[in-house]
Each structure stands twice: as structure tokens, then as C-alpha cells.
Amino acid sequence: MPFFTEPSNRNHEGIFSYASCNDESKFAWGEDFGKGPLADVPFTGIVPYFTEHAHPNIPIAVSRLMNQHNVKLMISKVVLEENDPFWSTGNVSAENYGQIRLVDAGFLMMPIGHLEQLLCAALATLYKYGTKTRDGPTMKKKKHLSVFNYYAPNDIVVFFKFEGQDVCLKIMDNSPAGGPTIYLAAGSD
């Protein structure tokens, strides 16, 4: 996969990697990689699902969790829209502040805005850096990454860069949407 780039500091690209990592031998599923079906990958929580298992196609894995395990995907309007001023200024406008969208599995598979690439970058970052606490890489030591507040199995916060702006991945066991949720938003540490 020559187009696999550092997931915690990516830009929107015409060709990008859907995978958790660049090493195909680590993939947990997929006939192309000599592995069984996605349904065979055990689910014990969102965070372990994306830290213990490498996925060749993150959107398909998330879509399966949404359909089979009632996982929700929420995204802030700001990061969903690729032409939002946030992507050039890093600032969220007053009118867009707190505007959140619940995304369904069908919408996830459509190339709309930054959603697909942002989700891949977020969960590949989680796979690469795992559940390290503040003792691990931080915004101060590594200006584009911070992982903290892990509470097994479904609660973690990860800040990373996308298009040069701070973005936040938050995985919650009990969100306002009800149940386990993957949430992507504009963020700062």
C-alpha cells in the first residue's frame, strides 16, 4: 500500500488508505489477505476492535459495527463539510458550534466531504498508537497527536491533525445518541 501515510497527520487525498496499517499480514480479515470474513473478528468493545485488530477497510468495519452492534457514528457539521472555514482557519463559527449529525451506515460508504478519509485517519491513528495515556505521545511532544482518558472497553479521546487542523475522535460507551458511539469533531487539547 504505497499510499499509506501517517494517520495522525493526514490531508484529504484523491487516493488514500482505508486500512488500519501498512502491513497486510496484520489484517484480521479478508480473503485477499488469507484471512476469514469480517464476521469472524471478535467484538468486545469499539476500542479493542480497532486497537487489537488491523482492518483492511475501516469504513466497512465501522458499517458492520453499526449494523450488527448498534454502534452510532456522530460527526460535527464542521468536519463533515470539506468547504467549511474551519479547514483553513482552525476556528469553528458560532453558527456551526455544536452542530452534530448522526450518520447512518449507508451514508458512511459515500465519498462525501471528509467523512470517509477522516474516519480512516482517526481509527488508523487509534490502531497505531493504541490506548496510551498522557505518558505516551502528547500534543507537546508530538504536535499532532494526543491519546488519553481510556476507560475500557468503549471510552477514549484521541486528538490528531487532518488537513492541518486539530480533530478529535471520541469513542463513548453511552452517548447522547444512545449506546456506544464513534464521534468525530473539531477539537483542541
Protein backbone atom coordinates (compact mmCIF):
# COMPACT_ATOMS: atom_id res chain seq x y z
CA MET A 1 0.00 0.00 0.00
CA PRO A 2 2.27 2.81 -1.19
CA PHE A 3 -0.35 5.45 -0.36
CA PHE A 4 -0.48 4.68 3.37
CA THR A 5 0.63 7.82 5.21
CA GLU A 6 1.00 8.79 8.86
CA PRO A 7 -2.63 8.63 10.01
CA SER A 8 -2.32 11.23 12.77
CA ASN A 9 -1.33 13.99 10.35
CA ARG A 10 -3.10 13.44 7.01
CA ASN A 11 -4.55 15.61 4.27
CA HIS A 12 -7.58 14.93 2.10
CA GLU A 13 -6.24 12.96 -0.89
CA GLY A 14 -7.64 11.59 -4.14
CA ILE A 15 -6.13 8.20 -3.31
CA PHE A 16 -5.94 7.25 0.34
CA SER A 17 -5.69 4.18 2.52
CA TYR A 18 -8.80 2.65 4.04
CA ALA A 19 -6.60 0.40 6.20
CA SER A 20 -5.51 0.45 9.84
CA CYS A 21 -1.86 -0.05 8.90
CA ASN A 22 0.52 -0.66 6.02
CA ASP A 23 1.29 -4.28 6.97
CA GLU A 24 -1.16 -6.60 5.20
CA SER A 25 0.00 -9.57 7.30
CA LYS A 26 -1.59 -7.92 10.36
CA PHE A 27 -5.06 -7.65 8.84
CA ALA A 28 -7.65 -9.56 10.86
CA TRP A 29 -9.94 -10.36 7.95
CA GLY A 30 -10.20 -10.51 4.17
CA GLU A 31 -9.79 -13.31 1.64
CA ASP A 32 -7.23 -11.22 -0.25
CA PHE A 33 -5.02 -11.45 2.83
CA GLY A 34 -5.56 -15.16 3.53
CA LYS A 35 -7.94 -14.43 6.40
CA GLY A 36 -11.57 -15.23 7.17
CA PRO A 37 -14.58 -12.93 6.93
CA LEU A 38 -15.08 -9.75 8.93
CA ALA A 39 -17.83 -11.52 10.89
CA ASP A 40 -15.14 -13.71 12.50
CA VAL A 41 -13.40 -10.74 14.15
CA PRO A 42 -14.46 -10.74 17.82
CA PHE A 43 -16.21 -7.63 19.16
CA THR A 44 -15.64 -6.90 22.84
CA GLY A 45 -15.89 -3.12 22.55
CA ILE A 46 -15.17 -0.40 19.99
CA VAL A 47 -11.70 0.47 21.29
CA PRO A 48 -10.40 -3.14 21.41
CA TYR A 49 -11.96 -3.78 18.00
CA PHE A 50 -9.77 -1.06 16.48
CA THR A 51 -6.64 -1.46 18.64
CA GLU A 52 -6.32 -5.26 18.74
CA HIS A 53 -7.31 -5.91 15.13
CA ALA A 54 -5.99 -4.29 11.95
CA HIS A 55 -8.68 -3.74 9.34
CA PRO A 56 -8.04 -3.57 5.58
CA ASN A 57 -11.16 -1.41 5.14
CA ILE A 58 -12.13 0.74 8.12
CA PRO A 59 -15.44 2.08 6.69
CA ILE A 60 -16.67 -1.49 6.10
CA ALA A 61 -15.66 -2.48 9.64
CA VAL A 62 -17.48 0.56 11.12
CA SER A 63 -20.52 -0.10 8.95
CA ARG A 64 -20.66 -3.68 10.26
CA LEU A 65 -20.50 -2.42 13.87
CA MET A 66 -23.32 0.00 13.10
CA ASN A 67 -25.49 -2.74 11.59
CA GLN A 68 -24.63 -5.63 13.92
CA HIS A 69 -23.80 -3.99 17.26
CA ASN A 70 -25.88 -0.80 17.18
CA VAL A 71 -22.78 1.42 17.22
CA LYS A 72 -23.59 5.03 16.32
CA LEU A 73 -21.44 7.38 14.25
CA MET A 74 -21.75 11.08 15.04
CA ILE A 75 -19.81 13.84 13.31
CA SER A 76 -19.78 17.58 13.77
CA LYS A 77 -21.10 19.58 10.83
CA VAL A 78 -17.83 21.49 10.75
CA VAL A 79 -15.63 18.49 9.98
CA LEU A 80 -18.19 16.86 7.69
CA GLU A 81 -18.21 19.75 5.22
CA GLU A 82 -14.93 20.00 3.35
CA ASN A 83 -15.54 23.66 2.42
CA ASP A 84 -16.19 24.82 5.98
CA PRO A 85 -13.88 27.69 7.01
CA PHE A 86 -12.63 25.51 9.87
CA TRP A 87 -10.34 23.69 7.42
CA SER A 88 -8.47 26.89 6.59
CA THR A 89 -8.75 28.80 9.89
CA GLY A 90 -8.99 26.15 12.59
CA ASN A 91 -11.90 28.08 14.08
CA VAL A 92 -15.48 26.90 14.47
CA SER A 93 -18.06 29.55 13.61
CA ALA A 94 -20.72 30.43 16.18
CA GLU A 95 -23.46 29.19 13.84
CA ASN A 96 -21.79 25.77 13.42
CA TYR A 97 -20.70 25.32 17.03
CA GLY A 98 -22.38 22.24 18.49
CA GLN A 99 -24.00 21.19 15.19
CA ILE A 100 -23.80 17.40 15.20
CA ARG A 101 -25.01 14.88 12.64
CA LEU A 102 -25.86 11.25 13.24
CA VAL A 103 -24.56 9.30 10.24
CA ASP A 104 -26.08 6.05 9.04
CA ALA A 105 -24.06 3.17 7.62
CA GLY A 106 -25.17 3.84 4.02
CA PHE A 107 -24.03 7.47 4.18
CA LEU A 108 -20.67 6.37 5.57
CA MET A 109 -19.91 4.46 2.38
CA MET A 110 -20.43 7.51 0.16
CA PRO A 111 -17.50 9.79 -0.69
CA ILE A 112 -18.99 12.93 0.86
CA GLY A 113 -16.77 15.62 2.32
CA HIS A 114 -14.01 14.45 4.59
CA LEU A 115 -16.07 11.79 6.38
CA GLU A 116 -14.58 8.61 4.92
CA GLN A 117 -10.97 9.81 4.97
CA LEU A 118 -11.31 11.40 8.40
CA LEU A 119 -12.77 8.21 9.87
CA CYS A 120 -9.94 6.15 8.34
CA ALA A 121 -7.30 8.55 9.69
CA ALA A 122 -8.90 8.59 13.15
CA LEU A 123 -9.18 4.83 13.58
CA ALA A 124 -5.79 4.14 11.96
CA THR A 125 -4.32 6.60 14.48
CA LEU A 126 -6.05 4.71 17.28
CA TYR A 127 -4.66 1.41 15.92
CA LYS A 128 -1.12 2.78 15.59
CA TYR A 129 -0.87 4.45 18.99
CA GLY A 130 -3.28 2.28 20.95
CA THR A 131 -4.63 3.30 24.32
CA LYS A 132 -1.56 5.14 25.60
CA THR A 133 -2.21 7.63 28.34
CA ARG A 134 -0.70 11.07 28.82
CA ASP A 135 2.60 9.28 29.44
CA GLY A 136 2.57 8.36 25.77
CA PRO A 137 2.88 10.79 22.85
CA THR A 138 1.27 14.13 23.69
CA MET A 139 0.46 17.32 21.84
CA LYS A 140 3.53 18.92 23.43
CA LYS A 141 5.96 16.16 22.44
CA LYS A 142 4.34 15.42 19.10
CA LYS A 143 2.31 18.41 18.00
CA HIS A 144 -0.22 16.37 16.04
CA LEU A 145 -1.15 13.62 18.47
CA SER A 146 -2.58 13.08 21.92
CA VAL A 147 -4.28 9.95 23.25
CA PHE A 148 -5.81 9.92 26.71
CA ASN A 149 -8.72 9.10 29.01
CA TYR A 150 -9.05 5.42 28.11
CA TYR A 151 -11.70 3.56 30.06
CA ALA A 152 -12.22 0.03 28.75
CA PRO A 153 -13.86 -1.03 26.59
CA ASN A 154 -15.51 1.93 24.83
CA ASP A 155 -14.27 5.28 26.12
CA ILE A 156 -11.25 7.13 24.73
CA VAL A 157 -10.30 10.55 23.37
CA VAL A 158 -7.75 10.97 20.58
CA PHE A 159 -6.66 14.34 19.16
CA PHE A 160 -4.83 14.33 15.83
CA LYS A 161 -4.30 16.50 12.75
CA PHE A 162 -6.23 16.34 9.50
CA GLU A 163 -5.81 18.97 6.79
CA GLY A 164 -3.53 20.75 9.25
CA GLN A 165 -6.29 21.24 11.83
CA ASP A 166 -6.87 19.64 15.22
CA VAL A 167 -9.57 16.99 15.08
CA CYS A 168 -10.95 14.87 17.90
CA LEU A 169 -12.01 11.23 17.85
CA LYS A 170 -14.08 10.37 20.88
CA ILE A 171 -15.40 6.89 21.48
CA MET A 172 -18.11 6.73 24.12
CA ASP A 173 -19.93 3.84 25.72
CA ASN A 174 -23.05 5.88 26.46
CA SER A 175 -23.51 8.90 24.25
CA PRO A 176 -26.42 11.29 23.76
CA ALA A 177 -27.22 9.21 20.65
CA GLY A 178 -27.76 6.19 22.90
CA GLY A 179 -25.28 3.36 23.23
CA PRO A 180 -21.71 3.01 22.02
CA THR A 181 -20.70 5.83 19.69
CA ILE A 182 -17.81 6.94 17.50
CA TYR A 183 -17.72 10.75 17.39
CA LEU A 184 -15.56 12.99 15.17
CA ALA A 185 -15.35 16.73 15.80
CA ALA A 186 -13.17 19.79 15.55
CA GLY A 187 -11.00 19.75 18.60
CA SER A 188 -8.17 21.08 20.62
CA ASP A 189 -6.41 19.59 23.59
